[in-house]
N, C-alpha and C. Protein backbone atom coordinates (compact mmCIF):
# COMPACT_ATOMS: atom_id res chain seq x y z
N MET A 1 1.36 -0.92 -0.57
CA MET A 1 -0.10 -0.29 -0.04
C MET A 1 0.93 1.95 -0.21
N LYS A 2 2.03 1.38 0.55
CA LYS A 2 2.86 2.45 1.03
C LYS A 2 4.08 2.89 -0.18
N GLN A 3 3.51 1.32 -1.12
CA GLN A 3 4.59 1.57 -2.41
C GLN A 3 4.01 2.58 -3.28
N LEU A 4 2.36 1.87 -3.32
CA LEU A 4 1.05 2.24 -3.99
C LEU A 4 0.99 3.25 -4.56
N PHE A 5 1.33 4.01 -2.73
CA PHE A 5 0.96 5.82 -2.46
C PHE A 5 2.11 6.16 -2.98
N GLN A 6 3.95 5.99 -2.91
CA GLN A 6 5.24 6.26 -3.41
C GLN A 6 4.67 6.78 -5.08
N ARG A 7 4.46 5.73 -5.74
CA ARG A 7 4.28 5.51 -7.06
C ARG A 7 3.32 7.01 -7.98
N LEU A 8 1.92 6.20 -6.88
CA LEU A 8 0.87 7.94 -7.32
C LEU A 8 1.53 8.79 -6.83
N ALA A 9 2.39 9.41 -6.22
CA ALA A 9 2.67 10.68 -5.45
C ALA A 9 3.90 10.84 -6.28
N LEU A 10 4.76 10.17 -6.78
CA LEU A 10 5.32 10.21 -7.99
C LEU A 10 5.15 10.48 -9.56
N THR A 11 3.88 10.30 -9.60
CA THR A 11 2.46 10.67 -11.08
C THR A 11 2.77 11.44 -10.62
N ALA A 12 1.57 11.59 -9.62
CA ALA A 12 1.90 13.44 -9.32
C ALA A 12 2.51 13.99 -9.33
N ALA A 13 3.31 13.95 -9.14
CA ALA A 13 4.70 14.98 -9.81
C ALA A 13 5.17 15.06 -10.77
N LEU A 14 5.47 14.31 -11.11
CA LEU A 14 5.35 14.34 -12.87
C LEU A 14 4.73 15.02 -13.48
N LEU A 15 3.36 15.03 -13.64
CA LEU A 15 2.33 15.65 -13.88
C LEU A 15 2.03 16.57 -13.80
N GLY A 16 2.66 17.30 -12.39
CA GLY A 16 2.45 18.59 -12.41
C GLY A 16 3.65 19.37 -13.04
N SER A 17 5.31 18.25 -12.53
CA SER A 17 5.87 19.65 -13.72
C SER A 17 6.14 18.84 -15.66
N ALA A 18 4.93 18.62 -15.64
CA ALA A 18 4.71 18.98 -17.17
C ALA A 18 3.23 19.44 -17.96
N ALA A 19 3.27 20.11 -17.05
CA ALA A 19 2.73 21.00 -16.91
C ALA A 19 2.95 22.81 -16.82
N LEU A 20 4.21 22.58 -15.86
CA LEU A 20 5.11 23.30 -15.93
C LEU A 20 6.08 23.92 -17.03
N SER A 21 6.74 22.48 -17.80
CA SER A 21 7.57 22.25 -18.65
C SER A 21 7.00 23.59 -20.35
N HIS A 22 5.10 22.73 -19.92
CA HIS A 22 4.13 23.57 -21.06
C HIS A 22 4.92 24.75 -21.85
N ALA A 23 5.58 26.20 -20.93
CA ALA A 23 6.15 27.09 -20.42
C ALA A 23 7.50 27.18 -21.38
N HIS A 24 7.84 26.75 -22.72
CA HIS A 24 8.75 26.82 -22.81
C HIS A 24 8.74 28.41 -23.91
N GLU A 25 10.63 27.88 -24.26
CA GLU A 25 11.10 28.77 -24.22
C GLU A 25 11.52 29.19 -25.44
N TYR A 26 12.58 29.90 -25.97
CA TYR A 26 13.30 30.45 -27.48
C TYR A 26 14.72 31.20 -26.89
N LYS A 27 15.86 31.12 -26.79
CA LYS A 27 16.77 32.21 -27.33
C LYS A 27 17.49 32.38 -28.43
N LEU A 28 17.24 33.84 -28.72
CA LEU A 28 18.08 33.99 -30.06
C LEU A 28 19.13 34.99 -29.51
N GLY A 29 19.98 35.00 -29.98
CA GLY A 29 21.03 35.83 -29.21
C GLY A 29 20.32 37.24 -27.85
N GLN A 30 20.01 38.21 -28.19
CA GLN A 30 19.74 39.35 -26.52
C GLN A 30 17.78 38.98 -26.42
N LEU A 31 17.58 38.35 -27.55
CA LEU A 31 16.49 37.90 -26.92
C LEU A 31 15.80 36.40 -26.41
N ASP A 32 14.67 36.90 -25.67
CA ASP A 32 14.37 35.55 -25.23
C ASP A 32 12.67 35.38 -25.30
N ILE A 33 12.71 33.69 -26.44
CA ILE A 33 10.74 34.38 -26.86
C ILE A 33 9.65 33.51 -26.19
N GLY A 34 9.03 33.51 -25.68
CA GLY A 34 8.63 32.84 -24.44
C GLY A 34 7.09 32.11 -25.25
N HIS A 35 6.39 30.60 -24.97
CA HIS A 35 5.35 29.76 -24.83
C HIS A 35 4.72 30.57 -25.93
N PRO A 36 5.15 30.53 -27.11
CA PRO A 36 4.93 30.36 -27.89
C PRO A 36 3.42 29.29 -28.36
N TYR A 37 2.57 30.55 -28.82
CA TYR A 37 0.75 28.96 -29.00
C TYR A 37 0.03 29.47 -29.67
N ALA A 38 -0.77 29.15 -30.85
CA ALA A 38 -1.79 29.10 -31.20
C ALA A 38 -2.90 29.08 -31.14
N ARG A 39 -4.35 29.24 -32.02
CA ARG A 39 -5.61 29.17 -30.74
C ARG A 39 -6.08 27.60 -32.57
N ALA A 40 -6.61 27.54 -31.60
CA ALA A 40 -7.09 26.01 -31.79
C ALA A 40 -8.07 26.48 -33.30
N THR A 41 -8.45 26.51 -34.46
CA THR A 41 -9.26 26.99 -35.74
C THR A 41 -10.11 24.99 -35.76
N VAL A 42 -11.41 26.00 -36.47
CA VAL A 42 -12.47 25.55 -36.99
C VAL A 42 -12.16 25.30 -38.66
N PRO A 43 -12.98 24.17 -39.01
CA PRO A 43 -13.21 24.06 -40.54
C PRO A 43 -13.11 24.85 -40.98
N GLY A 44 -12.57 25.18 -42.27
CA GLY A 44 -12.89 26.19 -42.71
C GLY A 44 -13.00 27.96 -42.40
N GLN A 45 -11.96 28.22 -41.07
CA GLN A 45 -11.65 29.43 -40.42
C GLN A 45 -10.53 29.68 -41.46
N PRO A 46 -10.10 30.32 -41.86
CA PRO A 46 -8.81 30.86 -42.73
C PRO A 46 -7.57 31.27 -42.18
N ALA A 47 -7.91 31.96 -40.41
CA ALA A 47 -6.86 32.26 -39.86
C ALA A 47 -6.09 32.41 -38.60
N ALA A 48 -6.03 31.80 -38.48
CA ALA A 48 -6.28 31.74 -36.20
C ALA A 48 -4.49 32.75 -35.82
N GLY A 49 -5.09 32.77 -34.87
CA GLY A 49 -4.05 34.02 -33.86
C GLY A 49 -3.18 33.18 -32.80
N ALA A 50 -1.71 33.89 -33.23
CA ALA A 50 -0.90 33.31 -32.53
C ALA A 50 -0.30 34.29 -31.71
N TYR A 51 0.17 33.66 -30.69
CA TYR A 51 1.01 34.02 -29.52
C TYR A 51 1.64 33.56 -28.50
N LEU A 52 3.21 35.19 -28.46
CA LEU A 52 3.98 34.58 -27.17
C LEU A 52 4.58 36.25 -27.08
N SER A 53 5.83 35.76 -26.40
CA SER A 53 6.23 37.13 -25.44
C SER A 53 7.42 37.54 -26.46
N ILE A 54 8.50 37.95 -26.38
CA ILE A 54 9.51 38.92 -27.01
C ILE A 54 9.68 39.57 -25.61
N GLU A 55 11.44 39.27 -25.87
CA GLU A 55 11.97 40.01 -23.98
C GLU A 55 13.70 40.65 -24.80
N ASN A 56 13.48 41.44 -24.63
CA ASN A 56 15.15 42.22 -25.62
C ASN A 56 16.04 42.09 -24.27
N LYS A 57 16.83 41.10 -23.66
CA LYS A 57 18.02 41.77 -23.08
C LYS A 57 19.19 42.25 -23.32
N GLY A 58 19.61 42.66 -24.63
CA GLY A 58 20.23 43.35 -25.30
C GLY A 58 20.23 45.03 -25.02
N SER A 59 20.68 45.77 -25.87
CA SER A 59 21.46 46.99 -25.52
C SER A 59 20.99 47.54 -26.85
N ALA A 60 20.82 46.92 -27.55
CA ALA A 60 20.06 47.67 -29.11
C ALA A 60 18.66 46.54 -29.36
N PRO A 61 17.91 48.33 -29.88
CA PRO A 61 16.67 47.30 -30.37
C PRO A 61 16.70 46.05 -31.45
N ASP A 62 15.41 45.63 -31.92
CA ASP A 62 15.56 44.71 -32.77
C ASP A 62 14.25 44.98 -33.15
N ARG A 63 13.76 44.14 -34.33
CA ARG A 63 12.56 44.07 -34.91
C ARG A 63 12.11 42.58 -35.38
N LEU A 64 10.92 42.22 -34.54
CA LEU A 64 9.99 41.03 -35.08
C LEU A 64 9.67 40.76 -36.27
N VAL A 65 10.16 41.09 -38.01
CA VAL A 65 9.77 41.25 -39.29
C VAL A 65 8.97 40.49 -40.18
N GLY A 66 9.06 39.31 -39.43
CA GLY A 66 8.50 37.65 -40.47
C GLY A 66 8.26 36.89 -39.33
N VAL A 67 7.05 36.25 -39.35
CA VAL A 67 6.54 34.72 -39.05
C VAL A 67 6.55 34.41 -40.66
N SER A 68 6.83 33.33 -40.61
CA SER A 68 6.56 31.86 -41.09
C SER A 68 5.95 30.84 -40.45
N SER A 69 5.02 29.93 -41.99
CA SER A 69 4.73 28.42 -41.18
C SER A 69 3.65 27.49 -41.74
N PRO A 70 4.67 26.60 -41.78
CA PRO A 70 3.98 25.40 -43.27
C PRO A 70 2.89 25.51 -43.21
N VAL A 71 2.27 25.51 -42.37
CA VAL A 71 -0.08 25.29 -42.09
C VAL A 71 -0.32 26.48 -42.97
N ALA A 72 0.56 27.66 -42.88
CA ALA A 72 0.07 29.10 -43.38
C ALA A 72 0.54 29.10 -44.70
N LYS A 73 -0.04 30.45 -45.44
CA LYS A 73 0.11 30.81 -46.91
C LYS A 73 1.37 32.09 -46.18
N SER A 74 1.21 32.45 -45.36
CA SER A 74 1.71 34.08 -45.32
C SER A 74 1.80 34.00 -42.95
N GLY A 75 2.38 34.65 -42.54
CA GLY A 75 2.12 35.29 -40.87
C GLY A 75 2.27 36.89 -41.43
N GLU A 76 0.94 37.75 -40.93
CA GLU A 76 1.68 39.04 -40.52
C GLU A 76 1.41 39.69 -39.07
N ILE A 77 2.11 40.27 -38.50
CA ILE A 77 2.15 40.59 -37.00
C ILE A 77 1.18 41.79 -37.45
N HIS A 78 -0.15 41.95 -35.70
CA HIS A 78 -1.14 42.26 -36.65
C HIS A 78 -1.15 43.41 -34.62
N THR A 79 -1.76 44.13 -34.61
CA THR A 79 -1.81 45.10 -33.27
C THR A 79 -3.30 45.54 -33.07
N MET A 80 -3.82 45.18 -32.28
CA MET A 80 -5.08 45.78 -32.25
C MET A 80 -5.01 46.58 -30.62
N SER A 81 -5.75 47.67 -31.32
CA SER A 81 -6.50 49.06 -30.83
C SER A 81 -7.65 49.34 -30.77
N MET A 82 -7.81 50.25 -29.34
CA MET A 82 -10.21 49.75 -29.63
C MET A 82 -9.31 51.70 -29.88
N GLU A 83 -10.97 52.04 -31.22
CA GLU A 83 -10.89 53.54 -31.95
C GLU A 83 -11.85 53.75 -30.85
N GLY A 84 -12.56 54.33 -29.52
CA GLY A 84 -13.41 54.77 -29.23
C GLY A 84 -13.61 53.76 -28.56
N ASN A 85 -15.14 53.19 -29.32
CA ASN A 85 -15.56 51.26 -28.88
C ASN A 85 -15.55 50.43 -30.05
N LEU A 86 -14.35 51.03 -30.80
CA LEU A 86 -14.60 49.82 -32.33
C LEU A 86 -12.75 49.50 -31.88
N MET A 87 -12.65 48.25 -32.16
CA MET A 87 -11.78 47.16 -31.74
C MET A 87 -11.14 47.31 -33.46
N LYS A 88 -9.62 48.38 -33.74
CA LYS A 88 -9.21 47.92 -35.13
C LYS A 88 -8.35 46.94 -35.27
N MET A 89 -8.42 46.15 -36.45
CA MET A 89 -6.60 45.61 -36.50
C MET A 89 -6.57 45.77 -37.49
N ARG A 90 -4.83 46.20 -37.43
CA ARG A 90 -3.87 46.31 -38.15
C ARG A 90 -2.51 45.54 -38.32
N GLU A 91 -2.30 45.25 -39.90
CA GLU A 91 -1.02 45.05 -39.39
C GLU A 91 0.00 46.06 -39.50
N VAL A 92 1.34 45.34 -38.89
CA VAL A 92 2.09 46.11 -37.75
C VAL A 92 3.29 47.07 -39.04
N ASP A 93 3.57 48.14 -40.04
CA ASP A 93 4.30 47.63 -40.37
C ASP A 93 6.11 47.93 -39.88
N GLY A 94 6.17 47.57 -41.25
CA GLY A 94 7.86 47.53 -41.08
C GLY A 94 8.09 46.58 -40.04
N GLY A 95 7.48 45.53 -39.58
CA GLY A 95 7.54 45.23 -38.01
C GLY A 95 7.32 45.72 -36.83
N LEU A 96 7.81 44.61 -35.78
CA LEU A 96 7.02 44.57 -34.36
C LEU A 96 8.16 44.84 -33.77
N GLU A 97 9.06 46.98 -33.34
CA GLU A 97 9.36 46.49 -32.31
C GLU A 97 10.38 46.32 -30.87
N VAL A 98 11.28 45.57 -30.53
CA VAL A 98 11.46 45.36 -29.31
C VAL A 98 12.39 46.17 -28.73
N LYS A 99 12.32 47.52 -28.07
CA LYS A 99 13.38 48.11 -27.58
C LYS A 99 14.85 47.85 -26.23
N PRO A 100 15.63 47.84 -26.02
CA PRO A 100 16.32 47.32 -25.21
C PRO A 100 15.29 47.68 -23.21
N GLY A 101 15.74 46.01 -22.78
CA GLY A 101 15.37 45.37 -21.87
C GLY A 101 13.32 45.79 -21.47
N GLN A 102 13.39 45.60 -22.79
CA GLN A 102 11.40 46.32 -22.78
C GLN A 102 11.09 44.36 -23.61
N LYS A 103 10.10 44.17 -22.83
CA LYS A 103 8.67 42.85 -23.32
C LYS A 103 7.84 42.70 -23.23
N ILE A 104 7.57 42.32 -24.10
CA ILE A 104 6.53 42.23 -24.85
C ILE A 104 5.64 41.13 -24.81
N ALA A 105 4.57 40.90 -24.61
CA ALA A 105 3.38 39.70 -24.24
C ALA A 105 3.07 39.64 -24.94
N MET A 106 2.60 39.20 -25.78
CA MET A 106 1.10 39.21 -26.72
C MET A 106 0.59 38.30 -26.46
N GLN A 107 -0.52 38.35 -26.48
CA GLN A 107 -1.72 38.24 -25.40
C GLN A 107 -3.19 38.53 -26.22
N PRO A 108 -4.60 37.43 -25.90
CA PRO A 108 -5.50 37.64 -26.48
C PRO A 108 -6.38 38.74 -26.33
N GLY A 109 -6.77 40.10 -27.62
CA GLY A 109 -7.09 40.51 -27.04
C GLY A 109 -6.78 42.02 -27.00
N ASN A 110 -5.43 42.27 -26.53
CA ASN A 110 -4.52 43.45 -26.39
C ASN A 110 -3.13 43.36 -27.03
N GLY A 111 -3.11 44.71 -27.12
CA GLY A 111 -2.19 44.79 -27.99
C GLY A 111 -1.72 44.43 -29.35
N TYR A 112 -0.34 43.45 -29.53
CA TYR A 112 0.41 42.94 -30.93
C TYR A 112 -0.40 41.32 -30.58
N HIS A 113 -0.29 40.69 -32.58
CA HIS A 113 -0.93 39.05 -32.28
C HIS A 113 -0.21 39.24 -33.43
N ILE A 114 -0.71 37.82 -33.66
CA ILE A 114 0.63 37.52 -35.01
C ILE A 114 -0.87 36.60 -35.46
N MET A 115 -1.18 36.67 -37.21
CA MET A 115 -2.16 35.51 -37.42
C MET A 115 -1.33 35.15 -37.68
N LEU A 116 -1.97 33.61 -38.38
CA LEU A 116 -0.83 32.43 -39.42
C LEU A 116 -2.59 32.22 -40.54
N MET A 117 -2.41 33.33 -41.68
CA MET A 117 -3.03 33.50 -42.63
C MET A 117 -3.29 32.12 -43.91
N GLY A 118 -4.36 32.53 -44.38
CA GLY A 118 -4.46 31.24 -45.01
C GLY A 118 -4.05 30.09 -44.89
N LEU A 119 -4.68 29.67 -43.29
CA LEU A 119 -4.32 28.11 -43.40
C LEU A 119 -4.31 26.64 -44.25
N SER A 120 -3.84 25.19 -44.20
CA SER A 120 -4.13 24.67 -45.02
C SER A 120 -5.19 24.23 -44.93
N ARG A 121 -5.20 23.95 -42.93
CA ARG A 121 -5.81 23.25 -43.10
C ARG A 121 -5.89 22.95 -41.29
N PRO A 122 -7.03 23.18 -40.85
CA PRO A 122 -7.54 23.66 -39.49
C PRO A 122 -7.07 22.91 -37.98
N LEU A 123 -6.39 24.41 -36.92
CA LEU A 123 -5.35 22.99 -36.16
C LEU A 123 -6.20 23.34 -35.17
N LYS A 124 -5.30 21.95 -34.54
CA LYS A 124 -5.89 21.76 -33.57
C LYS A 124 -5.48 21.45 -32.32
N ALA A 125 -6.16 21.94 -31.19
CA ALA A 125 -6.13 21.48 -30.00
C ALA A 125 -4.80 20.35 -29.48
N GLY A 126 -4.07 21.03 -29.13
CA GLY A 126 -2.70 19.95 -28.44
C GLY A 126 -2.19 19.16 -29.68
N GLU A 127 -2.03 20.10 -31.37
CA GLU A 127 -0.95 19.80 -32.34
C GLU A 127 -0.04 21.51 -31.60
N LYS A 128 1.27 20.73 -32.35
CA LYS A 128 2.21 21.19 -31.89
C LYS A 128 3.52 22.05 -33.66
N VAL A 129 2.92 23.00 -33.75
CA VAL A 129 2.38 23.25 -35.25
C VAL A 129 3.91 24.66 -35.35
N PRO A 130 4.46 24.00 -36.56
CA PRO A 130 6.48 24.95 -36.48
C PRO A 130 6.62 25.43 -37.31
N ALA A 131 6.80 26.83 -36.79
CA ALA A 131 6.84 28.34 -37.53
C ALA A 131 8.72 28.92 -37.53
N THR A 132 8.92 29.90 -38.15
CA THR A 132 10.29 30.40 -38.12
C THR A 132 9.39 32.08 -37.57
N LEU A 133 10.31 33.21 -36.55
CA LEU A 133 10.35 34.30 -36.78
C LEU A 133 12.01 34.34 -37.53
N THR A 134 11.36 36.16 -37.81
CA THR A 134 12.49 36.66 -38.50
C THR A 134 13.14 37.88 -37.69
N PHE A 135 13.52 37.69 -37.05
CA PHE A 135 13.79 39.58 -36.85
C PHE A 135 15.49 40.16 -37.59
N GLU A 136 14.91 41.04 -37.84
CA GLU A 136 15.95 42.45 -38.69
C GLU A 136 17.05 41.77 -38.28
N LYS A 137 17.49 42.10 -37.04
CA LYS A 137 19.31 42.15 -36.51
C LYS A 137 19.80 40.35 -36.26
N ALA A 138 18.64 40.05 -35.13
CA ALA A 138 19.48 39.03 -35.18
C ALA A 138 18.47 37.67 -36.01
N GLY A 139 17.87 37.49 -36.87
CA GLY A 139 18.26 36.39 -37.65
C GLY A 139 16.98 35.72 -37.18
N LYS A 140 16.94 34.60 -37.65
CA LYS A 140 16.05 33.69 -38.21
C LYS A 140 16.18 32.42 -36.57
N ILE A 141 15.08 31.94 -35.71
CA ILE A 141 14.27 31.17 -34.75
C ILE A 141 13.28 30.21 -35.64
N ASP A 142 13.33 28.49 -35.17
CA ASP A 142 12.83 28.03 -35.45
C ASP A 142 11.78 27.84 -34.00
N VAL A 143 10.49 27.78 -33.72
CA VAL A 143 10.19 27.98 -33.21
C VAL A 143 8.42 26.41 -32.96
N THR A 144 8.02 26.37 -32.27
CA THR A 144 6.63 25.71 -32.12
C THR A 144 5.13 25.73 -31.73
N PHE A 145 4.37 26.28 -32.35
CA PHE A 145 3.65 27.30 -31.57
C PHE A 145 2.33 25.89 -30.68
N ASN A 146 2.07 25.86 -29.54
CA ASN A 146 1.84 24.91 -28.85
C ASN A 146 -0.27 25.88 -29.42
N VAL A 147 -0.40 24.83 -30.19
CA VAL A 147 -2.42 24.82 -30.60
C VAL A 147 -3.37 24.72 -29.17
N GLU A 148 -3.14 25.38 -28.72
CA GLU A 148 -4.78 25.03 -27.38
C GLU A 148 -6.20 25.58 -28.00
N ASP A 149 -7.06 24.71 -26.92
CA ASP A 149 -7.97 25.41 -26.75
C ASP A 149 -8.41 26.77 -26.40
N PRO A 150 -9.21 27.55 -26.98
CA PRO A 150 -9.15 28.73 -26.43
C PRO A 150 -10.42 28.98 -25.59
N ALA A 151 -11.54 27.60 -25.10
CA ALA A 151 -11.99 27.47 -24.51
C ALA A 151 -12.39 27.26 -23.66
N ALA A 152 -11.17 26.06 -23.23
CA ALA A 152 -10.02 25.03 -22.65
C ALA A 152 -9.45 25.95 -21.21
N ALA A 153 -9.02 27.03 -21.81
CA ALA A 153 -8.22 27.24 -20.19
C ALA A 153 -8.21 27.46 -19.58
N GLY A 154 -7.77 27.16 -18.59
CA GLY A 154 -8.05 27.64 -17.06
C GLY A 154 -8.46 26.74 -16.82
N LYS A 155 -9.51 25.04 -17.72
CA LYS A 155 -9.46 24.22 -17.14
C LYS A 155 -8.64 22.66 -16.16
N ASP A 156 -8.47 22.18 -15.80
CA ASP A 156 -8.30 21.07 -15.51
C ASP A 156 -7.96 19.79 -16.89
N ASP A 157 -7.31 19.42 -17.33
CA ASP A 157 -6.45 18.03 -18.20
C ASP A 157 -8.10 17.18 -17.79
N MET A 158 -8.63 16.91 -16.92
CA MET A 158 -9.30 15.59 -16.84
C MET A 158 -10.47 16.46 -17.70
N GLY A 159 -11.41 17.47 -17.33
CA GLY A 159 -12.14 17.86 -18.21
C GLY A 159 -12.38 18.55 -19.68
N ASP A 160 -10.95 18.49 -19.72
CA ASP A 160 -10.93 18.27 -21.08
C ASP A 160 -10.65 17.05 -22.45
N MET A 161 -10.78 16.56 -21.33
CA MET A 161 -10.85 14.39 -21.91
C MET A 161 -12.51 14.31 -21.98
N LYS A 162 -12.64 15.02 -21.23
CA LYS A 162 -14.54 14.11 -21.51
C LYS A 162 -15.30 15.79 -21.82
N ASP A 163 -14.23 16.99 -22.32
CA ASP A 163 -15.10 17.46 -23.46
C ASP A 163 -14.91 17.15 -24.71
N MET A 164 -13.93 17.08 -24.84
CA MET A 164 -13.43 16.41 -25.67
C MET A 164 -14.41 15.71 -26.89
N LYS A 165 -14.78 14.59 -25.51
CA LYS A 165 -16.04 13.34 -26.07
C LYS A 165 -17.48 14.02 -26.40
N GLY A 166 -17.97 15.41 -25.94
CA GLY A 166 -17.97 15.32 -25.59
C GLY A 166 -19.06 16.62 -27.12
N HIS A 167 -17.42 16.80 -27.65
CA HIS A 167 -17.84 18.16 -28.55
C HIS A 167 -17.36 17.26 -29.82
N MET A 168 -17.33 15.53 -29.92
CA MET A 168 -17.56 14.67 -31.23
C MET A 168 -19.10 14.45 -31.71
N HIS A 169 -19.72 14.97 -31.24
CA HIS A 169 -21.11 14.15 -31.72
C HIS A 169 -21.77 15.59 -32.76
N HIS A 170 -21.34 16.88 -32.46
CA HIS A 170 -21.37 17.60 -34.31
C HIS A 170 -21.53 17.19 -35.32
């Protein structure tokens, strides 16, 4: 019995650390890129929103000038701003500048995000989608966008499994 308990405790510890390792990070020169993820899409949806954080630890500004992924025709960096009560989305001209010491954290609903345009197929939650980020100075880096179900954010994993079965009946 005691052994079983130890095994369960170990499993729980492993599952706990799996959740933490979910925050995947990349380094490119003086840039730290944190937790790239994309939103799951439904069939026929032409574009997906993708998000990440970029921190510039160097002394010179750099800019994210391109995003490409084999699952999309193009990647665009957009900024979202409220003008009165209208939400305006537009492409960022000339790339997204990250000043020295600045951290830009892209999140749904505010500021900057990446649009993967012209998807070749729907993105399913749990998938990993390769992408290449191009910076003006630091160059290119390959990252992986974890595809996340927007509806599942903040729920525990077991709940998701049950939901998945429920969703299959459409």
